[in-house]
N, C-alpha and C. Protein backbone atom coordinates (compact mmCIF):
# COMPACT_ATOMS: atom_id res chain seq x y z
N MET A 1 65.32 87.27 92.38
CA MET A 1 65.91 88.05 92.56
C MET A 1 67.27 87.79 93.44
N SER A 2 68.05 87.56 92.53
CA SER A 2 69.59 86.50 92.86
C SER A 2 70.40 86.77 94.17
N ALA A 3 71.06 85.14 94.72
CA ALA A 3 71.88 85.78 96.12
C ALA A 3 72.21 86.86 95.46
N ARG A 4 73.51 86.98 94.33
CA ARG A 4 73.92 87.94 94.27
C ARG A 4 73.36 89.25 94.37
N ASP A 5 72.52 89.55 93.79
CA ASP A 5 71.23 91.10 94.33
C ASP A 5 70.90 91.13 95.55
N GLU A 6 70.50 90.09 96.09
CA GLU A 6 70.34 90.13 98.02
C GLU A 6 71.31 90.79 98.02
N VAL A 7 72.82 90.08 98.73
CA VAL A 7 73.90 90.74 99.58
C VAL A 7 74.19 92.08 98.84
N LEU A 8 74.43 92.30 97.26
CA LEU A 8 74.53 93.17 96.55
C LEU A 8 73.36 94.97 97.87
N GLY A 9 72.60 94.51 97.88
CA GLY A 9 71.46 95.63 98.27
C GLY A 9 71.13 95.71 99.73
N ARG A 10 71.88 93.99 100.73
CA ARG A 10 71.83 94.43 102.16
C ARG A 10 73.41 95.66 102.26
N ILE A 11 74.00 95.19 101.06
CA ILE A 11 75.21 96.47 101.20
C ILE A 11 75.07 97.40 101.24
N ARG A 12 74.13 98.10 100.08
CA ARG A 12 73.66 99.22 100.10
C ARG A 12 72.51 99.52 101.24
N THR A 13 72.21 98.98 102.18
CA THR A 13 70.78 99.77 102.67
C THR A 13 72.21 99.90 103.76
N ALA A 14 73.28 98.75 104.16
CA ALA A 14 74.30 99.37 105.45
C ALA A 14 74.24 100.85 105.19
N LEU A 15 75.43 101.40 104.66
CA LEU A 15 76.42 101.82 103.36
C LEU A 15 75.01 103.54 103.29
N GLY A 16 73.96 103.07 102.89
CA GLY A 16 73.54 104.69 103.04
C GLY A 16 73.74 104.73 101.84
N PRO A 17 72.27 106.54 102.08
CA PRO A 17 72.37 107.27 100.72
C PRO A 17 74.42 107.56 100.32
N ALA A 18 74.46 107.80 98.36
CA ALA A 18 76.36 107.41 98.38
C ALA A 18 76.46 108.83 99.39
N ARG A 19 77.12 109.27 99.35
CA ARG A 19 77.97 110.34 99.72
C ARG A 19 77.85 111.81 98.41
N ASP A 20 77.92 112.46 99.03
CA ASP A 20 78.49 113.90 97.22
C ASP A 20 79.80 113.52 97.41
N GLU A 21 79.91 114.11 96.18
CA GLU A 21 81.86 114.44 96.20
C GLU A 21 82.60 116.01 97.04
N ALA A 22 80.78 117.13 97.13
CA ALA A 22 80.91 117.96 97.58
C ALA A 22 80.97 118.21 99.61
N ALA A 23 80.48 116.73 99.75
CA ALA A 23 80.26 115.94 100.94
C ALA A 23 81.62 115.90 102.05
N PRO A 24 81.83 116.46 103.33
CA PRO A 24 82.82 116.99 103.88
C PRO A 24 83.61 115.36 103.86
N PRO A 25 84.34 115.62 103.67
CA PRO A 25 85.72 114.20 103.59
C PRO A 25 85.22 113.55 105.01
N ALA A 26 85.47 113.34 105.82
CA ALA A 26 85.31 113.06 108.13
C ALA A 26 83.99 113.55 108.22
N PRO A 27 83.59 112.54 109.62
CA PRO A 27 82.64 113.23 109.98
C PRO A 27 82.92 114.24 111.26
N ASP A 28 82.61 114.69 112.08
CA ASP A 28 83.42 116.09 113.07
C ASP A 28 83.95 115.40 114.35
N GLY A 29 83.56 113.50 114.34
CA GLY A 29 83.84 112.73 115.16
C GLY A 29 85.22 112.62 114.76
N TYR A 30 85.70 112.14 113.81
CA TYR A 30 86.93 112.19 113.11
C TYR A 30 88.00 113.20 114.44
N ARG A 31 89.05 111.56 114.72
CA ARG A 31 90.51 112.17 115.36
C ARG A 31 90.64 112.86 114.27
N LYS A 32 91.91 113.94 114.05
CA LYS A 32 92.33 113.76 113.50
C LYS A 32 94.08 114.19 113.76
N ASN A 33 94.23 114.17 115.34
CA ASN A 33 95.58 114.83 115.23
C ASN A 33 95.89 114.18 117.33
N ALA A 34 96.90 113.40 117.43
CA ALA A 34 96.96 112.77 118.57
C ALA A 34 97.70 113.49 119.66
N GLY A 35 97.69 115.01 120.00
CA GLY A 35 98.73 116.00 120.12
C GLY A 35 99.81 116.14 120.56
N LEU A 36 100.61 115.55 119.39
CA LEU A 36 101.99 114.84 120.10
C LEU A 36 102.34 115.07 119.37
N SER A 37 104.27 115.53 119.77
CA SER A 37 104.45 116.28 119.36
C SER A 37 105.88 116.10 118.76
N THR A 38 105.91 116.55 117.40
CA THR A 38 107.34 115.80 116.08
C THR A 38 108.21 115.30 116.74
N ALA A 39 109.40 115.23 118.02
CA ALA A 39 110.05 113.82 117.81
C ALA A 39 109.47 113.06 119.29
N HIS A 40 107.84 112.86 119.25
CA HIS A 40 107.35 112.07 119.77
C HIS A 40 107.40 111.53 118.66
N LEU A 41 105.80 111.75 117.53
CA LEU A 41 105.76 111.20 116.63
C LEU A 41 107.07 110.10 115.90
N LEU A 42 108.30 110.61 116.24
CA LEU A 42 108.93 110.10 114.86
C LEU A 42 109.57 109.22 116.09
N ASP A 43 109.42 109.65 117.20
CA ASP A 43 110.06 107.99 117.95
C ASP A 43 109.00 106.41 117.80
N LEU A 44 106.94 107.07 118.66
CA LEU A 44 106.45 106.22 117.46
C LEU A 44 106.57 105.37 117.02
N LEU A 45 106.71 106.61 116.00
CA LEU A 45 106.85 105.08 114.88
C LEU A 45 107.70 104.62 114.75
N ALA A 46 109.04 104.58 115.00
CA ALA A 46 110.37 103.47 114.99
C ALA A 46 109.32 102.68 116.06
N GLU A 47 109.64 103.42 116.96
CA GLU A 47 108.55 101.84 117.62
C GLU A 47 107.80 100.95 116.72
N ARG A 48 106.91 101.00 116.02
CA ARG A 48 105.69 100.87 115.53
C ARG A 48 106.94 99.89 114.40
N LEU A 49 108.10 100.18 113.85
CA LEU A 49 108.20 99.72 112.56
C LEU A 49 109.21 98.90 113.02
N THR A 50 110.03 99.08 114.24
CA THR A 50 111.03 98.38 114.90
C THR A 50 109.56 96.41 114.92
N ASP A 51 108.90 96.96 115.81
CA ASP A 51 107.87 96.03 115.79
C ASP A 51 107.36 95.24 115.09
N TYR A 52 107.37 95.96 113.78
CA TYR A 52 107.35 94.98 112.92
C TYR A 52 108.07 94.50 112.20
N ARG A 53 109.62 94.66 112.17
CA ARG A 53 110.70 93.44 111.60
C ARG A 53 111.31 94.90 111.44
N ALA A 54 111.04 96.39 111.20
CA ALA A 54 111.98 97.03 109.96
C ALA A 54 112.98 97.44 110.16
N ALA A 55 113.66 97.86 110.50
CA ALA A 55 115.19 98.23 110.33
C ALA A 55 114.87 99.98 110.43
N VAL A 56 115.15 100.89 111.07
CA VAL A 56 114.99 102.20 111.58
C VAL A 56 116.43 102.86 111.75
N ARG A 57 116.76 103.68 110.83
CA ARG A 57 117.14 104.96 110.64
C ARG A 57 117.21 106.40 111.24
N ARG A 58 118.21 107.18 112.10
CA ARG A 58 117.75 108.09 111.62
C ARG A 58 119.06 109.45 111.83
N ALA A 59 118.17 110.79 110.85
CA ALA A 59 119.71 110.76 110.33
C ALA A 59 118.78 112.78 109.94
N GLU A 60 120.14 113.50 110.29
CA GLU A 60 120.05 114.52 109.36
C GLU A 60 119.85 114.65 107.67
N PRO A 61 119.25 115.45 107.56
CA PRO A 61 119.47 115.48 105.51
C PRO A 61 121.67 115.54 105.57
N ALA A 62 122.11 116.19 105.68
CA ALA A 62 123.28 116.19 105.83
C ALA A 62 124.17 115.12 105.42
N GLN A 63 123.01 114.45 106.59
CA GLN A 63 123.57 112.85 106.14
C GLN A 63 123.60 111.66 106.21
N LEU A 64 122.20 112.11 105.19
CA LEU A 64 120.78 111.14 104.33
C LEU A 64 121.12 110.27 103.54
N LEU A 65 122.90 110.39 102.86
CA LEU A 65 123.39 109.89 102.33
C LEU A 65 123.78 108.71 102.68
N ASP A 66 125.66 109.59 103.48
CA ASP A 66 126.22 108.24 104.01
C ASP A 66 125.11 107.39 105.25
N THR A 67 124.01 108.08 104.94
CA THR A 67 123.49 106.87 106.18
C THR A 67 122.70 105.70 104.73
N VAL A 68 122.76 106.34 103.76
CA VAL A 68 121.85 105.40 102.94
C VAL A 68 122.66 104.05 102.35
N ALA A 69 124.41 104.76 102.35
CA ALA A 69 125.06 103.77 101.97
C ALA A 69 125.59 103.00 102.66
N ALA A 70 125.82 103.52 103.84
CA ALA A 70 125.73 102.24 105.11
C ALA A 70 124.10 101.55 105.03
N ALA A 71 123.85 101.67 105.02
CA ALA A 71 122.44 100.70 105.00
C ALA A 71 121.81 99.74 103.82
N LEU A 72 122.70 100.52 102.07
CA LEU A 72 122.55 99.37 100.97
C LEU A 72 123.68 98.15 102.07
N ALA A 73 125.10 99.68 102.66
CA ALA A 73 126.49 97.85 103.40
C ALA A 73 125.66 97.13 103.63
N GLU A 74 125.35 97.20 104.45
CA GLU A 74 124.94 96.46 105.84
C GLU A 74 124.16 95.22 105.03
N ARG A 75 123.09 95.78 103.97
CA ARG A 75 122.28 94.91 103.15
C ARG A 75 123.43 93.96 102.05
N GLY A 76 124.41 95.13 101.95
CA GLY A 76 125.25 93.79 100.79
C GLY A 76 124.68 94.89 99.51
N ALA A 77 123.79 95.53 99.19
CA ALA A 77 122.98 95.45 97.63
C ALA A 77 123.82 96.64 96.68
N ARG A 78 124.03 96.01 95.66
CA ARG A 78 124.94 97.02 95.08
C ARG A 78 124.16 97.37 93.60
N ARG A 79 123.36 96.58 93.33
CA ARG A 79 121.63 97.31 91.98
C ARG A 79 120.71 97.25 92.25
N LEU A 80 119.86 98.40 91.96
CA LEU A 80 119.22 98.72 93.28
C LEU A 80 118.29 99.66 91.70
N VAL A 81 117.16 99.77 92.02
CA VAL A 81 116.32 100.74 91.18
C VAL A 81 115.62 101.64 92.35
N VAL A 82 115.27 103.00 91.23
CA VAL A 82 114.78 104.00 91.69
C VAL A 82 113.77 104.24 90.61
N PRO A 83 112.85 104.66 91.18
CA PRO A 83 111.37 105.71 90.19
C PRO A 83 112.16 106.44 89.89
N PRO A 84 110.70 107.27 88.64
CA PRO A 84 111.33 108.61 88.44
C PRO A 84 110.89 109.61 88.87
N GLY A 85 112.07 110.98 89.15
CA GLY A 85 111.37 112.17 90.53
C GLY A 85 111.86 111.71 91.31
N LEU A 86 113.13 110.59 91.72
CA LEU A 86 113.64 110.73 93.02
C LEU A 86 114.89 111.22 93.67
N ASP A 87 114.80 113.01 93.92
CA ASP A 87 115.71 113.19 94.12
C ASP A 87 116.26 114.13 95.66
N LEU A 88 117.32 113.36 95.96
CA LEU A 88 118.52 113.90 96.71
C LEU A 88 119.37 114.63 96.89
N PRO A 89 119.25 115.18 97.48
CA PRO A 89 120.31 116.17 96.89
C PRO A 89 121.96 115.30 97.33
N GLY A 90 122.77 116.08 96.32
CA GLY A 90 124.85 114.81 96.24
C GLY A 90 123.83 114.05 95.69
N LEU A 91 122.88 113.40 95.01
CA LEU A 91 122.67 112.06 95.44
C LEU A 91 122.76 112.09 93.10
N ASP A 92 123.56 111.02 92.61
CA ASP A 92 123.83 111.29 91.38
C ASP A 92 123.01 109.52 90.69
N LEU A 93 122.40 110.05 90.11
CA LEU A 93 121.42 108.74 89.04
C LEU A 93 122.72 107.72 88.72
N SER A 94 123.22 108.82 87.68
CA SER A 94 123.89 108.00 86.51
C SER A 94 124.99 106.96 87.54
N GLY A 95 125.76 107.72 88.04
CA GLY A 95 126.92 108.02 88.70
C GLY A 95 127.11 107.10 89.41
N GLY A 96 125.40 106.48 90.69
CA GLY A 96 125.19 105.70 91.49
C GLY A 96 126.03 106.10 93.14
N LEU A 97 126.17 105.37 93.95
CA LEU A 97 125.86 105.08 95.13
C LEU A 97 127.41 104.73 95.47
N ALA A 98 128.24 105.40 96.10
CA ALA A 98 129.31 104.52 97.22
C ALA A 98 129.18 103.16 95.91
N GLY A 99 130.15 102.66 95.16
CA GLY A 99 129.64 101.48 94.56
C GLY A 99 128.26 100.74 94.13
N VAL A 100 127.43 101.44 93.89
CA VAL A 100 126.37 101.40 94.04
C VAL A 100 126.00 101.70 92.91
N GLU A 101 124.20 100.65 91.69
CA GLU A 101 123.82 101.13 90.84
C GLU A 101 123.16 101.34 90.98
N LEU A 102 122.44 102.30 90.65
CA LEU A 102 121.53 103.00 90.40
C LEU A 102 120.79 103.23 88.79
N MET A 103 119.55 102.19 88.94
CA MET A 103 118.87 101.98 87.21
C MET A 103 117.52 103.45 87.76
N LEU A 104 117.07 103.08 86.95
CA LEU A 104 115.71 104.07 86.79
C LEU A 104 114.89 103.58 86.23
N ASP A 105 113.51 103.63 86.83
CA ASP A 105 112.51 102.48 86.19
C ASP A 105 111.95 103.45 85.17
N ASP A 106 112.42 102.67 83.87
CA ASP A 106 111.45 103.40 82.71
C ASP A 106 110.18 101.96 82.66
N GLY A 107 110.10 101.50 83.21
CA GLY A 107 108.86 100.98 83.01
C GLY A 107 109.04 99.42 82.54
N LEU A 108 110.28 98.76 83.62
CA LEU A 108 111.26 97.84 83.42
C LEU A 108 109.50 96.25 84.09
N SER A 109 110.12 95.01 83.51
CA SER A 109 109.09 93.96 83.30
C SER A 109 109.79 93.96 85.04
N ALA A 110 108.59 92.32 85.21
CA ALA A 110 108.56 92.12 86.68
C ALA A 110 110.22 91.41 87.11
N ARG A 111 109.97 90.79 85.64
CA ARG A 111 111.33 89.58 85.79
C ARG A 111 112.45 90.67 86.16
N GLU A 112 112.34 91.93 85.68
CA GLU A 112 114.33 92.44 86.08
C GLU A 112 113.90 93.37 86.67
N LEU A 113 112.59 94.11 87.08
CA LEU A 113 112.73 93.99 88.66
C LEU A 113 113.28 92.83 89.62
N ASP A 114 112.70 91.91 89.53
CA ASP A 114 113.02 90.69 90.64
C ASP A 114 115.13 90.71 90.04
N GLY A 115 115.05 91.15 89.19
CA GLY A 115 116.45 90.99 89.04
C GLY A 115 117.36 91.44 90.14
N PHE A 116 117.00 92.49 90.50
CA PHE A 116 117.24 93.97 91.11
C PHE A 116 117.54 93.29 92.36
N ASP A 117 118.78 93.99 93.29
CA ASP A 117 118.42 93.88 95.24
C ASP A 117 117.31 94.65 95.93
N GLY A 118 117.32 95.84 95.66
CA GLY A 118 116.14 96.58 96.57
C GLY A 118 116.34 97.83 95.36
N VAL A 119 114.57 98.37 96.18
CA VAL A 119 114.53 99.39 95.72
C VAL A 119 114.09 100.52 96.65
N ILE A 120 115.15 102.51 96.16
CA ILE A 120 114.55 102.85 97.07
C ILE A 120 113.65 104.50 96.82
N THR A 121 112.58 104.36 97.60
CA THR A 121 111.75 105.58 97.32
C THR A 121 111.54 106.48 98.43
N THR A 122 111.20 107.08 98.37
CA THR A 122 110.74 107.68 98.87
C THR A 122 108.69 107.71 99.51
N ALA A 123 108.35 108.42 99.96
CA ALA A 123 107.20 108.33 100.81
C ALA A 123 106.14 109.13 101.10
N ALA A 124 104.40 109.19 100.69
CA ALA A 124 104.20 110.77 100.62
C ALA A 124 103.86 111.15 102.52
N VAL A 125 103.36 109.47 103.00
CA VAL A 125 102.89 110.21 104.89
C VAL A 125 103.97 108.59 105.08
N ALA A 126 103.63 108.64 107.00
CA ALA A 126 103.50 108.16 107.62
C ALA A 126 102.85 107.96 109.15
N ILE A 127 102.52 106.91 109.41
CA ILE A 127 101.32 107.10 110.37
C ILE A 127 101.70 106.58 111.62
N ALA A 128 102.20 107.45 112.79
CA ALA A 128 103.53 107.38 114.16
C ALA A 128 101.90 106.35 114.41
N GLU A 129 101.06 106.43 114.48
CA GLU A 129 100.35 105.62 115.31
C GLU A 129 100.20 103.97 115.75
N THR A 130 100.35 103.94 113.73
CA THR A 130 100.06 102.70 113.30
C THR A 130 101.61 101.14 113.11
N GLY A 131 102.22 102.30 112.78
CA GLY A 131 103.24 102.78 112.30
C GLY A 131 103.39 101.96 110.67
N THR A 132 102.40 102.78 109.76
CA THR A 132 102.57 102.25 108.77
C THR A 132 103.18 103.38 108.06
N ILE A 133 103.41 103.20 106.77
CA ILE A 133 104.11 103.82 105.98
C ILE A 133 103.26 103.89 104.03
N ILE A 134 103.01 105.40 104.21
CA ILE A 134 101.58 105.27 102.37
C ILE A 134 102.79 105.38 101.78
N LEU A 135 102.18 104.92 100.02
CA LEU A 135 103.02 105.39 98.45
C LEU A 135 101.87 105.53 97.94
N ASP A 136 102.04 106.87 97.20
CA ASP A 136 100.85 107.81 96.89
C ASP A 136 101.27 106.97 94.63
N GLY A 137 102.13 107.42 94.29
CA GLY A 137 102.37 106.80 93.82
C GLY A 137 103.27 108.24 92.87
N SER A 138 103.71 108.56 93.87
CA SER A 138 104.04 110.52 93.58
C SER A 138 105.49 110.95 92.60
N ALA A 139 106.07 111.64 92.56
CA ALA A 139 108.12 111.74 91.94
C ALA A 139 108.36 111.11 93.39
N GLY A 140 109.17 110.05 92.87
CA GLY A 140 110.41 109.47 93.96
C GLY A 140 109.34 108.50 94.27
N GLN A 141 108.59 108.02 94.53
CA GLN A 141 107.89 107.22 94.99
C GLN A 141 107.14 105.47 94.09
N GLY A 142 107.26 105.75 92.75
CA GLY A 142 106.84 105.10 91.77
C GLY A 142 105.87 104.34 91.68
N ARG A 143 105.36 103.16 90.94
CA ARG A 143 105.06 102.55 90.74
C ARG A 143 104.34 101.32 91.92
N ARG A 144 103.42 100.90 91.71
CA ARG A 144 103.82 99.88 93.01
C ARG A 144 103.64 98.84 92.89
N ALA A 145 104.63 98.24 91.68
CA ALA A 145 105.29 96.80 91.75
C ALA A 145 106.95 97.55 92.13
N LEU A 146 107.49 98.52 92.39
CA LEU A 146 108.36 99.57 92.96
C LEU A 146 108.29 97.87 94.40
N SER A 147 107.97 98.81 94.99
CA SER A 147 107.29 98.50 96.47
C SER A 147 107.00 97.08 97.01
N LEU A 148 106.60 95.96 95.05
CA LEU A 148 106.44 95.11 95.24
C LEU A 148 106.95 93.54 95.52
N ILE A 149 107.23 93.76 94.23
CA ILE A 149 108.89 92.86 93.61
C ILE A 149 110.20 93.13 94.26
N PRO A 150 110.29 93.46 94.37
CA PRO A 150 112.76 93.34 94.81
C PRO A 150 112.32 93.43 96.31
N ASP A 151 112.99 92.60 96.81
CA ASP A 151 113.23 91.59 98.26
C ASP A 151 113.65 92.75 99.17
N TYR A 152 114.21 94.04 98.52
CA TYR A 152 114.56 94.91 99.54
C TYR A 152 113.87 96.68 99.80
N HIS A 153 113.54 96.58 100.51
CA HIS A 153 112.79 97.96 99.92
C HIS A 153 113.57 99.04 100.94
N LEU A 154 114.20 100.16 101.39
CA LEU A 154 114.84 100.75 101.78
C LEU A 154 113.28 102.61 101.85
N CYS A 155 112.99 103.20 102.79
CA CYS A 155 112.93 103.92 101.90
C CYS A 155 112.99 104.90 102.80
N LEU A 156 112.47 106.20 102.43
CA LEU A 156 113.42 107.49 103.01
C LEU A 156 111.73 108.94 103.27
N VAL A 157 111.25 108.07 105.08
CA VAL A 157 110.87 109.46 104.79
C VAL A 157 110.80 110.72 105.70
N ARG A 158 110.49 111.43 105.39
CA ARG A 158 111.23 113.21 106.43
C ARG A 158 110.19 113.24 107.50
N ALA A 159 110.41 113.75 108.27
CA ALA A 159 109.54 114.14 109.59
C ALA A 159 108.69 114.39 109.59
N ARG A 160 108.62 115.45 108.31
CA ARG A 160 107.68 117.10 108.56
C ARG A 160 106.53 115.62 107.88
N GLN A 161 106.34 113.89 107.21
CA GLN A 161 105.42 113.34 106.43
C GLN A 161 104.78 112.90 107.90
N VAL A 162 105.44 112.62 108.94
CA VAL A 162 104.72 112.07 109.92
C VAL A 162 103.89 112.36 110.85
N VAL A 163 102.64 111.29 110.79
CA VAL A 163 101.69 111.97 111.25
C VAL A 163 100.63 110.96 112.36
N SER A 164 100.25 111.58 112.63
CA SER A 164 99.74 111.09 114.54
C SER A 164 98.65 109.55 114.06
N LEU A 165 97.62 109.99 112.81
CA LEU A 165 96.36 109.12 112.59
C LEU A 165 96.04 108.69 111.26
N VAL A 166 96.03 108.21 110.87
CA VAL A 166 94.78 107.33 109.10
C VAL A 166 94.46 108.76 109.10
N PRO A 167 94.91 108.98 107.71
CA PRO A 167 94.72 109.86 106.78
C PRO A 167 93.41 110.04 106.10
N ARG A 168 92.53 110.40 105.55
CA ARG A 168 92.25 109.62 103.97
C ARG A 168 92.24 110.47 103.35
N PRO A 169 92.23 108.99 102.47
CA PRO A 169 93.16 109.13 100.78
C PRO A 169 91.93 109.94 100.37
N ASP A 170 92.72 110.04 99.24
CA ASP A 170 91.57 110.65 98.62
C ASP A 170 91.90 109.99 97.04
N ARG A 171 93.27 109.37 96.34
CA ARG A 171 93.89 108.53 95.76
C ARG A 171 93.68 107.34 96.11
N PRO A 172 94.22 105.98 95.13
CA PRO A 172 94.46 104.77 94.93
C PRO A 172 96.25 105.25 96.02
N LEU A 173 96.22 104.03 97.49
CA LEU A 173 97.69 104.13 97.36
C LEU A 173 97.51 102.87 98.06
N THR A 174 99.54 102.64 98.23
CA THR A 174 99.90 100.55 99.07
C THR A 174 100.10 101.79 100.52
N TRP A 175 100.05 100.84 101.41
CA TRP A 175 100.12 100.92 102.26
C TRP A 175 101.58 100.10 103.38
N ILE A 176 102.12 100.07 104.31
CA ILE A 176 103.47 99.12 104.11
C ILE A 176 103.39 99.43 105.59
N SER A 177 103.09 98.25 106.47
CA SER A 177 103.22 98.49 107.60
C SER A 177 104.69 96.71 107.94
N GLY A 178 106.23 97.43 107.77
CA GLY A 178 106.96 96.27 108.37
C GLY A 178 107.06 95.17 106.96
N PRO A 179 108.19 94.16 106.51
CA PRO A 179 108.06 93.64 105.30
C PRO A 179 107.07 92.46 105.37
N SER A 180 107.02 92.47 103.93
CA SER A 180 105.51 91.58 103.68
C SER A 180 106.49 90.03 104.05
N ALA A 181 105.05 90.25 105.01
CA ALA A 181 104.76 88.61 106.27
C ALA A 181 103.07 87.66 105.84
N THR A 182 103.54 87.03 105.79
CA THR A 182 101.78 86.04 105.97
C THR A 182 102.58 84.45 107.53
N SER A 183 101.10 84.19 107.63
CA SER A 183 101.75 83.14 108.76
C SER A 183 100.47 81.83 108.60
N ASP A 184 99.25 81.92 107.17
CA ASP A 184 98.08 81.27 106.73
C ASP A 184 98.58 80.03 106.75
N ILE A 185 99.95 78.99 106.84
CA ILE A 185 100.47 77.88 106.52
C ILE A 185 100.48 77.34 108.43
N GLU A 186 99.78 76.78 109.04
CA GLU A 186 100.31 76.60 110.16
C GLU A 186 100.57 77.60 111.05
N LEU A 187 100.07 77.88 110.64
CA LEU A 187 100.68 80.04 111.27
C LEU A 187 102.48 79.85 111.62
N ASN A 188 102.59 79.40 110.88
CA ASN A 188 104.36 79.80 110.63
C ASN A 188 104.54 80.86 109.66
N ARG A 189 105.36 81.27 110.20
CA ARG A 189 105.75 83.28 109.63
C ARG A 189 106.63 82.96 109.17
N VAL A 190 106.71 83.67 108.19
CA VAL A 190 107.23 83.72 106.40
C VAL A 190 107.86 84.85 105.49
N GLU A 191 108.01 85.14 104.54
CA GLU A 191 108.52 86.21 104.72
C GLU A 191 108.59 86.96 103.97
N GLY A 192 108.26 87.43 102.48
CA GLY A 192 109.12 87.54 101.21
C GLY A 192 107.90 86.96 100.01
N VAL A 193 106.72 87.02 100.82
CA VAL A 193 105.81 86.14 99.82
C VAL A 193 105.03 87.63 98.81
N HIS A 194 104.49 88.12 99.78
CA HIS A 194 103.50 89.51 98.69
C HIS A 194 104.10 90.21 98.91
N GLY A 195 105.35 90.61 98.76
CA GLY A 195 106.46 91.55 98.76
C GLY A 195 107.35 91.42 99.30
N PRO A 196 108.41 92.57 99.13
CA PRO A 196 110.52 92.73 99.63
C PRO A 196 109.71 91.81 101.59
N ARG A 197 111.19 90.52 101.65
CA ARG A 197 111.26 90.17 102.79
C ARG A 197 112.20 91.03 103.87
N THR A 198 112.21 92.49 103.17
CA THR A 198 113.14 93.26 104.32
C THR A 198 112.91 94.67 104.25
N LEU A 199 112.95 95.14 104.95
CA LEU A 199 111.72 96.83 104.93
C LEU A 199 112.91 97.51 105.97
N ASP A 200 113.97 98.96 105.06
CA ASP A 200 114.52 99.65 105.69
C ASP A 200 114.37 100.65 105.84
N VAL A 201 113.62 101.59 106.84
CA VAL A 201 113.47 102.98 106.30
C VAL A 201 114.35 103.73 107.78
N ILE A 202 114.93 104.90 106.24
CA ILE A 202 115.73 106.00 106.88
C ILE A 202 115.05 107.85 107.36
N LEU A 203 113.82 107.57 108.89
CA LEU A 203 113.70 108.52 109.46
C LEU A 203 114.92 110.16 109.25
N ILE A 204 114.42 110.56 108.49
CA ILE A 204 114.77 112.56 108.19
C ILE A 204 115.35 113.54 108.39
N GLY A 205 115.87 113.94 110.14
CA GLY A 205 115.81 115.11 110.99
C GLY A 205 114.67 114.98 111.50
N PRO A 206 114.08 116.39 111.95
CA PRO A 206 114.74 117.83 112.40
C PRO A 206 116.11 116.95 113.32
């Protein structure tokens, strides 16, 4: 038996029998709710995101476009890429937004994506307890390259998408906890190495 086979054998033994597709997705003792109100969830998420050096704004649905425009103006972003299916009331992709050019991603290359000032996406869910935003590639979120290559990510999260605890995934996900950063080299924090250097989040309603 090779060393590789031995290691894999030990892993299989530790994991136990493979779970059947019909098995329950979570054990009975798994916490699914922290017992927080929507307002407390939003406050906790905003606090965690701020700790991670993300900029957080609040917006009612009617003021969303104005808040997006203000965030982009503060950033100085003039050319942004957006994923297919981004549907925001009042947003005209062909006409841009407050002098900002919006380009729909139709399979842009990594080099082309790197030429944009940033990206705007929605989210699948946000976890208040960990300050994590999750993208699953659905309409309005785009492929993983969109949230990794541009230097600036503006993410729109609706109040109903904020949950207390980590959900059980059922598909490939992108997990975002603040701007990309690493301290691997001499413990000096360097941002933007593995993804966007800047993360802005707009929490929408209530």
